[in-house]
PDB file of N, CA and C in Angstrom:
ATOM      1  N   ALA A   1      43.200  10.822  17.491  1.00  0.00           N
ATOM      2  CA  ALA A   1      44.376   9.018  17.075  1.00  0.00           C
ATOM      3  C   ALA A   1      45.096   9.008  17.702  1.00  0.00           C
ATOM      4  N   LYS A   2      45.460   8.177  18.140  1.00  0.00           N
ATOM      5  CA  LYS A   2      46.630   7.471  18.637  1.00  0.00           C
ATOM      6  C   LYS A   2      47.220   7.230  16.900  1.00  0.00           C
ATOM      7  N   ILE A   3      48.474   7.536  16.996  1.00  0.00           N
ATOM      8  CA  ILE A   3      49.811   7.345  15.637  1.00  0.00           C
ATOM      9  C   ILE A   3      51.253   6.197  15.986  1.00  0.00           C
ATOM     10  N   GLY A   4      50.873   4.996  15.802  1.00  0.00           N
ATOM     11  CA  GLY A   4      51.473   4.248  16.281  1.00  0.00           C
ATOM     12  C   GLY A   4      52.837   3.728  14.634  1.00  0.00           C
ATOM     13  N   LEU A   5      54.110   3.410  15.226  1.00  0.00           N
ATOM     14  CA  LEU A   5      54.803   3.253  14.471  1.00  0.00           C
ATOM     15  C   LEU A   5      54.740   1.173  14.088  1.00  0.00           C
ATOM     16  N   GLY A   6      54.494   1.202  12.470  1.00  0.00           N
ATOM     17  CA  GLY A   6      54.154  -0.588  12.571  1.00  0.00           C
ATOM     18  C   GLY A   6      55.377  -1.313  12.332  1.00  0.00           C
ATOM     19  N   LYS A   7      55.594  -2.359  12.166  1.00  0.00           N
ATOM     20  CA  LYS A   7      56.453  -3.264  11.428  1.00  0.00           C
ATOM     21  C   LYS A   7      57.047  -3.143  10.216  1.00  0.00           C
ATOM     22  N   ALA A   8      57.562  -3.718  10.191  1.00  0.00           N
ATOM     23  CA  ALA A   8      58.294  -3.514   9.156  1.00  0.00           C
ATOM     24  C   ALA A   8      58.787  -4.657   7.800  1.00  0.00           C
ATOM     25  N   GLN A   9      57.593  -4.939   6.682  1.00  0.00           N
ATOM     26  CA  GLN A   9      57.140  -6.155   6.873  1.00  0.00           C
ATOM     27  C   GLN A   9      57.944  -6.256   4.610  1.00  0.00           C
ATOM     28  N   ASN A  10      58.852  -7.785   4.438  1.00  0.00           N
ATOM     29  CA  ASN A  10      59.099  -7.698   3.111  1.00  0.00           C
ATOM     30  C   ASN A  10      60.050  -6.291   2.408  1.00  0.00           C
ATOM     31  N   GLY A  11      60.996  -5.839   3.361  1.00  0.00           N
ATOM     32  CA  GLY A  11      62.034  -5.116   2.828  1.00  0.00           C
ATOM     33  C   GLY A  11      61.490  -4.180   3.107  1.00  0.00           C
ATOM     34  N   TYR A  12      59.924  -2.935   3.506  1.00  0.00           N
ATOM     35  CA  TYR A  12      59.691  -2.068   3.188  1.00  0.00           C
ATOM     36  C   TYR A  12      60.037  -1.829   4.682  1.00  0.00           C
ATOM     37  N   PRO A  13      60.336  -0.423   5.108  1.00  0.00           N
ATOM     38  CA  PRO A  13      61.050   0.200   6.073  1.00  0.00           C
ATOM     39  C   PRO A  13      58.543   0.635   6.835  1.00  0.00           C
ATOM     40  N   ALA A  14      59.344   0.735   8.845  1.00  0.00           N
ATOM     41  CA  ALA A  14      58.208   0.238   9.463  1.00  0.00           C
ATOM     42  C   ALA A  14      57.594   1.727   8.882  1.00  0.00           C
ATOM     43  N   ARG A  15      56.599   1.991   9.117  1.00  0.00           N
ATOM     44  CA  ARG A  15      55.207   3.522   8.517  1.00  0.00           C
ATOM     45  C   ARG A  15      54.743   3.797   9.399  1.00  0.00           C
ATOM     46  N   ALA A  16      53.765   4.388   9.780  1.00  0.00           N
ATOM     47  CA  ALA A  16      53.246   5.056  10.937  1.00  0.00           C
ATOM     48  C   ALA A  16      51.903   4.684  10.668  1.00  0.00           C
ATOM     49  N   GLU A  17      51.159   4.024  11.568  1.00  0.00           N
ATOM     50  CA  GLU A  17      49.817   3.790  11.563  1.00  0.00           C
ATOM     51  C   GLU A  17      48.787   3.741  12.666  1.00  0.00           C
ATOM     52  N   VAL A  18      47.055   4.119  11.901  1.00  0.00           N
ATOM     53  CA  VAL A  18      46.535   4.322  13.100  1.00  0.00           C
ATOM     54  C   VAL A  18      46.280   3.442  14.636  1.00  0.00           C
ATOM     55  N   LYS A  19      46.621   3.572  15.607  1.00  0.00           N
ATOM     56  CA  LYS A  19      46.287   2.847  16.386  1.00  0.00           C
ATOM     57  C   LYS A  19      45.530   2.051  17.033  1.00  0.00           C
ATOM     58  N   ARG A  20      44.219   3.298  17.352  1.00  0.00           N
ATOM     59  CA  ARG A  20      43.880   3.292  18.167  1.00  0.00           C
ATOM     60  C   ARG A  20      43.246   5.026  17.859  1.00  0.00           C
ATOM     61  N   TYR A  21      41.566   4.356  17.799  1.00  0.00           N
ATOM     62  CA  TYR A  21      40.428   5.968  18.217  1.00  0.00           C
ATOM     63  C   TYR A  21      40.353   6.444  19.401  1.00  0.00           C
ATOM     64  N   TYR A  22      40.082   8.059  19.274  1.00  0.00           N
ATOM     65  CA  TYR A  22      39.259   8.338  20.949  1.00  0.00           C
ATOM     66  C   TYR A  22      38.239   9.315  20.566  1.00  0.00           C
ATOM     67  N   PHE A  23      36.599   8.644  20.625  1.00  0.00           N
ATOM     68  CA  PHE A  23      35.142   9.716  20.392  1.00  0.00           C
ATOM     69  C   PHE A  23      35.533  10.806  21.200  1.00  0.00           C
ATOM     70  N   GLU A  24      33.574  11.731  21.153  1.00  0.00           N
ATOM     71  CA  GLU A  24      33.882  12.913  21.721  1.00  0.00           C
ATOM     72  C   GLU A  24      33.584  11.905  23.090  1.00  0.00           C
ATOM     73  N   ASP A  25      31.579  10.710  22.797  1.00  0.00           N
ATOM     74  CA  ASP A  25      31.533   9.960  23.432  1.00  0.00           C
ATOM     75  C   ASP A  25      32.006   8.792  24.091  1.00  0.00           C
ATOM     76  N   GLU A  26      33.856   8.795  23.804  1.00  0.00           N
ATOM     77  CA  GLU A  26      33.720   7.531  24.539  1.00  0.00           C
ATOM     78  C   GLU A  26      32.664   7.070  26.520  1.00  0.00           C
ATOM     79  N   GLY A  27      33.163   6.012  26.334  1.00  0.00           N
ATOM     80  CA  GLY A  27      32.520   5.951  27.612  1.00  0.00           C
ATOM     81  C   GLY A  27      31.436   6.748  27.800  1.00  0.00           C
ATOM     82  N   ASN A  28      31.042   7.612  27.253  1.00  0.00           N
ATOM     83  CA  ASN A  28      29.053   8.418  28.240  1.00  0.00           C
ATOM     84  C   ASN A  28      27.921   7.569  27.053  1.00  0.00           C
ATOM     85  N   VAL A  29      27.960   6.656  26.500  1.00  0.00           N
ATOM     86  CA  VAL A  29      26.546   6.144  26.203  1.00  0.00           C
ATOM     87  C   VAL A  29      25.711   5.561  26.688  1.00  0.00           C
ATOM     88  N   PRO A  30      24.717   5.315  27.253  1.00  0.00           N
ATOM     89  CA  PRO A  30      23.212   5.412  27.691  1.00  0.00           C
ATOM     90  C   PRO A  30      23.127   3.197  27.506  1.00  0.00           C
ATOM     91  N   GLU A  31      22.945   2.953  27.851  1.00  0.00           N
ATOM     92  CA  GLU A  31      22.793   1.622  27.802  1.00  0.00           C
ATOM     93  C   GLU A  31      21.763   1.544  27.082  1.00  0.00           C
ATOM     94  N   PRO A  32      21.616   0.770  26.094  1.00  0.00           N
ATOM     95  CA  PRO A  32      20.320   0.461  25.031  1.00  0.00           C
ATOM     96  C   PRO A  32      18.958  -0.105  25.169  1.00  0.00           C
ATOM     97  N   ALA A  33      17.795  -0.045  25.696  1.00  0.00           N
ATOM     98  CA  ALA A  33      16.612   0.207  25.986  1.00  0.00           C
ATOM     99  C   ALA A  33      15.759   0.505  25.106  1.00  0.00           C
ATOM    100  N   ILE A  34      14.223  -0.177  25.308  1.00  0.00           N
ATOM    101  CA  ILE A  34      12.579  -0.186  24.670  1.00  0.00           C
ATOM    102  C   ILE A  34      12.468   1.017  25.231  1.00  0.00           C
ATOM    103  N   ASP A  35      11.953   2.018  24.751  1.00  0.00           N
ATOM    104  CA  ASP A  35      11.111   2.912  24.988  1.00  0.00           C
ATOM    105  C   ASP A  35      10.575   3.138  25.480  1.00  0.00           C
ATOM    106  N   ALA A  36       9.484   3.173  25.378  1.00  0.00           N
ATOM    107  CA  ALA A  36       8.165   2.594  25.991  1.00  0.00           C
ATOM    108  C   ALA A  36       6.664   3.336  25.232  1.00  0.00           C
ATOM    109  N   VAL A  37       6.470   4.488  24.071  1.00  0.00           N
ATOM    110  CA  VAL A  37       6.905   4.947  23.740  1.00  0.00           C
ATOM    111  C   VAL A  37       7.081   4.885  22.409  1.00  0.00           C
ATOM    112  N   GLN A  38       6.322   4.332  21.492  1.00  0.00           N
ATOM    113  CA  GLN A  38       6.970   3.349  20.488  1.00  0.00           C
ATOM    114  C   GLN A  38       6.192   4.283  19.110  1.00  0.00           C
ATOM    115  N   PRO A  39       6.522   4.597  18.439  1.00  0.00           N
ATOM    116  CA  PRO A  39       5.949   5.280  16.966  1.00  0.00           C
ATOM    117  C   PRO A  39       4.549   4.269  16.404  1.00  0.00           C
ATOM    118  N   THR A  40       3.560   5.760  15.809  1.00  0.00           N
ATOM    119  CA  THR A  40       2.875   4.209  15.594  1.00  0.00           C
ATOM    120  C   THR A  40       2.888   4.539  13.713  1.00  0.00           C
ATOM    121  N   PRO A  41       3.246   3.619  13.241  1.00  0.00           N
ATOM    122  CA  PRO A  41       3.820   2.924  11.846  1.00  0.00           C
ATOM    123  C   PRO A  41       2.655   4.386  10.719  1.00  0.00           C
ATOM    124  N   ALA A  42       3.369   4.483   9.663  1.00  0.00           N
ATOM    125  CA  ALA A  42       2.721   5.558   8.860  1.00  0.00           C
ATOM    126  C   ALA A  42       1.345   4.425   8.097  1.00  0.00           C
ATOM    127  N   ALA A  43       1.569   5.131   7.675  1.00  0.00           N
ATOM    128  CA  ALA A  43      -0.612   5.144   6.985  1.00  0.00           C
ATOM    129  C   ALA A  43       0.295   4.873   5.321  1.00  0.00           C
ATOM    130  N   ALA A  44      -0.079   4.091   4.789  1.00  0.00           N
ATOM    131  CA  ALA A  44      -0.291   2.764   2.795  1.00  0.00           C
ATOM    132  C   ALA A  44      -0.407   4.812   2.357  1.00  0.00           C
ATOM    133  N   PRO A  45       0.340   5.255   1.512  1.00  0.00           N
ATOM    134  CA  PRO A  45       0.050   5.893   0.779  1.00  0.00           C
ATOM    135  C   PRO A  45      -1.370   5.758  -0.373  1.00  0.00           C
ATOM    136  N   ALA A  46      -2.148   5.990  -1.285  1.00  0.00           N
ATOM    137  CA  ALA A  46      -3.057   6.316  -0.956  1.00  0.00           C
ATOM    138  C   ALA A  46      -3.203   6.028  -2.673  1.00  0.00           C
ATOM    139  N   ASN A  47      -2.043   5.859  -3.141  1.00  0.00           N
ATOM    140  CA  ASN A  47      -1.686   5.193  -4.430  1.00  0.00           C
ATOM    141  C   ASN A  47      -0.577   4.111  -3.944  1.00  0.00           C
ATOM    142  N   ASP A  48      -1.529   3.021  -2.923  1.00  0.00           N
ATOM    143  CA  ASP A  48      -0.358   1.650  -3.073  1.00  0.00           C
ATOM    144  C   ASP A  48      -1.508   1.214  -4.059  1.00  0.00           C
ATOM    145  N   ASN A  49      -0.255   0.426  -5.147  1.00  0.00           N
ATOM    146  CA  ASN A  49      -1.008  -0.475  -5.854  1.00  0.00           C
ATOM    147  C   ASN A  49      -0.449  -2.342  -6.169  1.00  0.00           C
ATOM    148  N   ARG A  50      -0.681  -2.121  -4.602  1.00  0.00           N
ATOM    149  CA  ARG A  50      -0.077  -3.786  -4.603  1.00  0.00           C
ATOM    150  C   ARG A  50      -0.666  -4.039  -4.086  1.00  0.00           C
ATOM    151  N   GLN A  51      -0.916  -5.820  -4.719  1.00  0.00           N
ATOM    152  CA  GLN A  51      -2.435  -6.763  -3.730  1.00  0.00           C
ATOM    153  C   GLN A  51      -2.652  -6.908  -2.990  1.00  0.00           C
ATOM    154  N   ALA A  52      -4.365  -6.346  -2.746  1.00  0.00           N
ATOM    155  CA  ALA A  52      -4.380  -7.306  -1.635  1.00  0.00           C
ATOM    156  C   ALA A  52      -4.211  -8.310  -0.933  1.00  0.00           C
ATOM    157  N   ALA A  53      -4.204  -8.699   0.820  1.00  0.00           N
ATOM    158  CA  ALA A  53      -4.006 -10.176   0.751  1.00  0.00           C
ATOM    159  C   ALA A  53      -5.185 -10.889   0.589  1.00  0.00           C
ATOM    160  N   ALA A  54      -4.519 -11.686   0.344  1.00  0.00           N
ATOM    161  CA  ALA A  54      -5.711 -13.017  -0.243  1.00  0.00           C
ATOM    162  C   ALA A  54      -6.572 -13.759   1.187  1.00  0.00           C
ATOM    163  N   ARG A  55      -7.636 -14.020   0.100  1.00  0.00           N
ATOM    164  CA  ARG A  55      -9.054 -14.253   1.141  1.00  0.00           C
ATOM    165  C   ARG A  55      -8.996 -15.818   1.186  1.00  0.00           C
ATOM    166  N   PRO A  56      -8.889 -15.942   2.845  1.00  0.00           N
ATOM    167  CA  PRO A  56      -9.208 -17.091   3.397  1.00  0.00           C
ATOM    168  C   PRO A  56      -9.371 -18.434   2.201  1.00  0.00           C
ATOM    169  N   ALA A  57      -8.669 -19.830   2.157  1.00  0.00           N
ATOM    170  CA  ALA A  57      -9.578 -20.872   0.882  1.00  0.00           C
ATOM    171  C   ALA A  57     -10.159 -21.362   1.761  1.00  0.00           C
ATOM    172  N   ALA A  58     -11.237 -21.816   0.229  1.00  0.00           N
ATOM    173  CA  ALA A  58     -12.947 -22.300   0.083  1.00  0.00           C
ATOM    174  C   ALA A  58     -12.943 -23.507   0.872  1.00  0.00           C
ATOM    175  N   ALA A  59     -13.666 -23.574   2.072  1.00  0.00           N
ATOM    176  CA  ALA A  59     -14.192 -24.613   2.447  1.00  0.00           C
ATOM    177  C   ALA A  59     -13.799 -25.774   1.679  1.00  0.00           C
ATOM    178  N   ALA A  60     -12.951 -27.124   2.043  1.00  0.00           N
ATOM    179  CA  ALA A  60     -13.086 -28.317   1.323  1.00  0.00           C
ATOM    180  C   ALA A  60     -14.690 -28.837   0.813  1.00  0.00           C
ATOM    181  N   ALA A  61     -14.774 -29.003  -0.555  1.00  0.00           N
ATOM    182  CA  ALA A  61     -16.405 -30.142  -0.721  1.00  0.00           C
ATOM    183  C   ALA A  61     -15.859 -31.971  -0.439  1.00  0.00           C
ATOM    184  N   PRO A  62     -17.258 -31.660  -0.065  1.00  0.00           N
ATOM    185  CA  PRO A  62     -17.564 -32.671   0.822  1.00  0.00           C
ATOM    186  C   PRO A  62     -17.293 -33.885  -0.218  1.00  0.00           C
ATOM    187  N   ALA A  63     -16.724 -35.291   0.860  1.00  0.00           N
ATOM    188  CA  ALA A  63     -16.939 -36.593   0.073  1.00  0.00           C
ATOM    189  C   ALA A  63     -18.160 -37.287  -0.668  1.00  0.00           C
ATOM    190  N   GLY A  64     -17.786 -37.820  -1.931  1.00  0.00           N
ATOM    191  CA  GLY A  64     -18.862 -38.120  -2.215  1.00  0.00           C
ATOM    192  C   GLY A  64     -19.825 -37.575  -2.664  1.00  0.00           C
ATOM    193  N   GLY A  65     -19.636 -36.136  -2.795  1.00  0.00           N
ATOM    194  CA  GLY A  65     -21.306 -35.629  -3.550  1.00  0.00           C
ATOM    195  C   GLY A  65     -20.692 -35.537  -5.304  1.00  0.00           C
ATOM    196  N   ALA A  66     -21.488 -34.862  -6.091  1.00  0.00           N
ATOM    197  CA  ALA A  66     -21.571 -34.323  -7.688  1.00  0.00           C
ATOM    198  C   ALA A  66     -20.164 -34.546  -8.287  1.00  0.00           C
ATOM    199  N   ARG A  67     -20.058 -35.196  -9.039  1.00  0.00           N
ATOM    200  CA  ARG A  67     -18.605 -34.960  -9.651  1.00  0.00           C
ATOM    201  C   ARG A  67     -19.381 -34.816 -11.361  1.00  0.00           C
ATOM    202  N   LYS A  68     -17.809 -33.762 -10.894  1.00  0.00           N
ATOM    203  CA  LYS A  68     -18.069 -32.449 -13.120  1.00  0.00           C
ATOM    204  C   LYS A  68     -18.170 -34.145 -13.827  1.00  0.00           C
ATOM    205  N   ASN A  69     -17.261 -34.767 -13.731  1.00  0.00           N
ATOM    206  CA  ASN A  69     -17.346 -35.864 -15.654  1.00  0.00           C
ATOM    207  C   ASN A  69     -17.021 -37.466 -14.354  1.00  0.00           C
ATOM    208  N   PRO A  70     -18.846 -37.795 -15.699  1.00  0.00           N
ATOM    209  CA  PRO A  70     -18.304 -39.269 -15.086  1.00  0.00           C
ATOM    210  C   PRO A  70     -17.233 -40.399 -15.124  1.00  0.00           C
ATOM    211  N   TRP A  71     -16.681 -39.669 -15.511  1.00  0.00           N
ATOM    212  CA  TRP A  71     -15.038 -41.121 -15.687  1.00  0.00           C
ATOM    213  C   TRP A  71     -13.964 -40.522 -14.497  1.00  0.00           C
ATOM    214  N   SER A  72     -14.299 -39.322 -13.282  1.00  0.00           N
ATOM    215  CA  SER A  72     -13.426 -39.171 -12.506  1.00  0.00           C
ATOM    216  C   SER A  72     -14.175 -39.537 -11.658  1.00  0.00           C
ATOM    217  N   LYS A  73     -13.044 -40.462 -10.882  1.00  0.00           N
ATOM    218  CA  LYS A  73     -13.611 -41.241  -9.695  1.00  0.00           C
ATOM    219  C   LYS A  73     -12.314 -40.394  -7.883  1.00  0.00           C
TER     220      LYS A  73
END
């Protein structure tokens, strides 16, 4: 790390501050890319208690069909 002297503020003297960090692999990082071989997702555990996917909606009833109640129109 590079240490530098900061500014004096509000009556306090200047203090040492970290100005720059140095890393071992600086400038030696590969470009991000997507691998050709992707990992497969893990299988669901046997004790998975979530609800199963919802069934598709039933087809709508045809218009003018038998009514449940005589007063429903």
